Protein backbone atom coordinates (compact mmCIF):
# COMPACT_ATOMS: atom_id res chain seq x y z
CA GLU A 1 0.00 0.00 0.00
CA GLU A 2 1.80 3.12 -1.15
CA GLN A 3 0.73 6.59 -1.97
CA ILE A 4 1.99 8.56 -4.95
CA ILE A 5 1.48 12.28 -4.55
CA TYR A 6 2.70 14.56 -7.34
CA GLY A 7 5.54 12.20 -8.26
CA THR A 8 6.47 11.56 -4.63
CA ARG A 9 6.47 7.90 -3.58
CA VAL A 10 5.62 7.22 0.05
CA ALA A 11 5.95 3.55 1.02
CA SER A 12 5.35 3.38 4.76
CA SER A 13 2.64 0.86 5.48
CA LEU A 14 2.36 -2.65 6.82
CA ARG A 15 -0.36 -5.11 5.84
CA MET A 16 -1.13 -7.95 8.21
CA THR A 17 -3.58 -10.66 9.09
CA ILE A 18 -4.53 -11.05 12.72
CA LYS A 19 -5.60 -14.49 13.92
CA ASP A 20 -6.17 -16.28 17.18
CA ASN A 21 -4.14 -19.36 18.09
CA VAL A 22 -6.49 -21.67 16.17
CA GLY A 23 -6.48 -19.60 12.98
CA ASN A 24 -9.70 -17.59 13.29
CA ASN A 25 -9.43 -14.15 11.70
CA LEU A 26 -9.80 -11.49 14.42
CA LEU A 27 -10.77 -8.83 11.88
CA ASP A 28 -13.69 -10.75 10.40
CA PRO A 29 -16.90 -8.98 11.46
CA ASN A 30 -18.66 -12.37 11.42
CA ASN A 31 -16.31 -13.67 14.14
CA PRO A 32 -17.91 -12.97 17.56
CA ASN A 33 -14.39 -12.68 19.06
CA SER A 34 -13.13 -10.18 16.49
CA PHE A 35 -11.54 -6.88 17.46
CA ASP A 36 -13.80 -3.89 17.93
CA ILE A 37 -12.29 -1.73 15.19
CA ASP A 38 -13.72 1.43 16.79
CA ASN A 39 -11.51 0.88 19.87
CA ILE A 40 -8.22 0.58 17.96
CA LYS A 41 -5.94 3.62 18.20
CA ILE A 42 -2.65 4.40 16.51
CA PHE A 43 0.02 6.52 18.19
CA TYR A 44 3.23 7.94 16.73
CA LEU A 45 6.20 8.56 19.02
CA ILE A 46 7.50 12.02 18.15
CA ASN A 47 10.18 13.77 20.21
CA GLY A 48 9.61 11.32 23.06
CA LYS A 49 5.85 11.94 23.20
CA LYS A 50 3.05 9.56 22.14
CA ASN A 51 0.64 11.36 19.82
CA GLU A 52 -2.64 9.76 18.80
CA TYR A 53 -2.88 9.69 15.02
CA TYR A 54 -5.90 11.34 13.49
CA GLU A 55 -5.94 13.12 10.12
CA GLU A 56 -9.57 13.78 9.24
CA HIS A 57 -8.89 14.57 5.56
CA LEU A 58 -7.19 11.23 4.75
CA HIS A 59 -8.86 8.03 3.51
CA ALA A 60 -7.66 6.27 6.70
CA PRO A 61 -8.04 9.10 9.25
CA LYS A 62 -7.12 6.92 12.25
CA GLY A 63 -3.90 5.68 10.59
CA PHE A 64 -5.22 2.25 9.61
CA LYS A 65 -7.90 0.51 7.62
CA VAL A 66 -9.34 -2.98 7.48
CA ILE A 67 -9.62 -4.41 3.99
CA GLN A 68 -10.72 -7.67 2.46
CA ASP A 69 -7.93 -9.06 0.26
CA GLU A 70 -9.00 -9.17 -3.37
CA PHE A 71 -7.56 -12.67 -3.91
CA THR A 72 -7.92 -14.54 -0.60
CA PHE A 73 -10.96 -12.56 0.65
CA GLU A 74 -9.24 -12.59 4.03
CA TYR A 75 -9.71 -9.55 6.27
CA GLN A 76 -6.44 -7.67 6.69
CA PHE A 77 -5.19 -4.73 8.72
CA VAL A 78 -3.27 -2.00 6.90
CA ILE A 79 -1.40 0.41 9.15
CA PHE A 80 0.35 3.56 7.99
CA LEU A 81 3.62 3.78 9.90
CA ASN A 82 5.25 6.75 11.54
CA ASN A 83 7.95 7.87 9.07
CA ILE A 84 9.12 11.09 10.70
CA LYS A 85 12.63 11.97 9.54
CA THR A 86 13.79 13.27 12.93
CA GLU A 87 13.85 9.73 14.39
CA GLU A 88 16.41 7.13 13.34
CA PHE A 89 13.82 4.37 13.84
CA PRO A 90 10.32 5.90 13.97
CA ILE A 91 7.96 4.14 16.40
CA THR A 92 4.27 3.41 15.86
CA TYR A 93 2.04 1.99 18.60
CA ILE A 94 -1.13 -0.01 17.96
CA GLN A 95 -3.46 0.13 20.93
CA TRP A 96 -5.83 -2.77 20.28
CA ASN A 97 -7.72 -2.02 23.49
CA GLU A 98 -6.99 -0.52 26.90
CA ASN A 99 -4.95 -3.56 27.95
CA ASP A 100 -3.07 -4.48 24.76
CA THR A 101 -0.59 -2.29 22.88
CA ASP A 102 2.02 -3.42 20.35
CA THR A 103 5.08 -1.54 19.11
CA ILE A 104 6.28 -1.24 15.52
CA LYS A 105 9.72 0.18 14.78
CA ALA A 106 10.84 0.89 11.22
CA LEU A 107 13.87 1.89 9.21
CA PHE A 108 13.25 4.15 6.22
CA LYS A 109 15.22 5.43 3.27
CA TYR A 110 14.64 9.12 2.65
CA TYR A 111 15.55 10.36 -0.81
CA PRO A 112 17.54 13.60 -0.96
CA ASN A 113 15.96 16.47 -2.89
CA SER A 114 12.64 14.62 -2.76
CA SER A 115 9.95 13.80 -0.27
CA SER A 116 9.92 10.15 -1.36
CA ILE A 117 10.20 7.62 1.45
CA GLU A 118 10.70 3.85 1.37
CA GLN A 119 10.57 1.44 4.27
CA LYS A 120 13.55 -0.90 4.50
CA LYS A 121 13.05 -2.92 7.69
CA ILE A 122 10.23 -3.40 10.21
CA TRP A 123 10.28 -4.74 13.78
CA TYR A 124 7.12 -5.85 15.61
CA ASN A 125 7.53 -5.89 19.39
CA ASN A 126 11.34 -5.85 18.82
CA GLU A 127 11.33 -8.82 16.43
CA VAL A 128 12.29 -8.29 12.78
CA ILE A 129 9.21 -9.23 10.76
CA TRP A 130 10.16 -7.78 7.37
CA ASP A 131 13.38 -6.81 5.63
CA TYR A 132 13.27 -5.49 2.07
CA GLU A 133 16.85 -6.66 1.44
CA ILE A 134 15.73 -10.24 2.11
CA THR A 135 12.17 -10.39 0.78
CA ASN A 136 12.09 -7.70 -1.94
CA THR A 137 8.29 -7.61 -1.41
CA ASN A 138 5.73 -5.33 0.17
CA PRO A 139 5.58 -5.66 3.97
CA PHE A 140 3.22 -8.39 5.14
CA PHE A 141 2.98 -10.09 8.51
CA GLU A 142 0.71 -12.63 10.17
CA LEU A 143 0.06 -11.73 13.80
CA VAL A 144 -1.27 -14.29 16.27
CA LYS A 145 -3.12 -12.78 19.25
């Protein structure tokens, strides 16, 4: 999931499936144990302070969206990661509910003389889950909750 704005390429998202330990999709609205999407909040760590993400004018104002994959029809979570240039490894927090928050850390390549951005490596709760140098694919991760 990338955005192209006036010739600027911004690749800073992560797509993932979220399942329970027996393989039920926790984003499927037909699953009685699925996440309440309205309770999910995204925070960006900027200058040592957690800021809740909300940009009313964007197509994903809360910093994420739930989609149904066009091939597998599986419900997936797409999160738009903090890509602030002032941090070496920008941090994004996913607050699933009041008792459960996960941390995503990312490494980006910023192009000089351009506002293009590309993600290079992503950690989920301090574990490397995606590395462009190894996979050469768009970031995808299966989370078990």
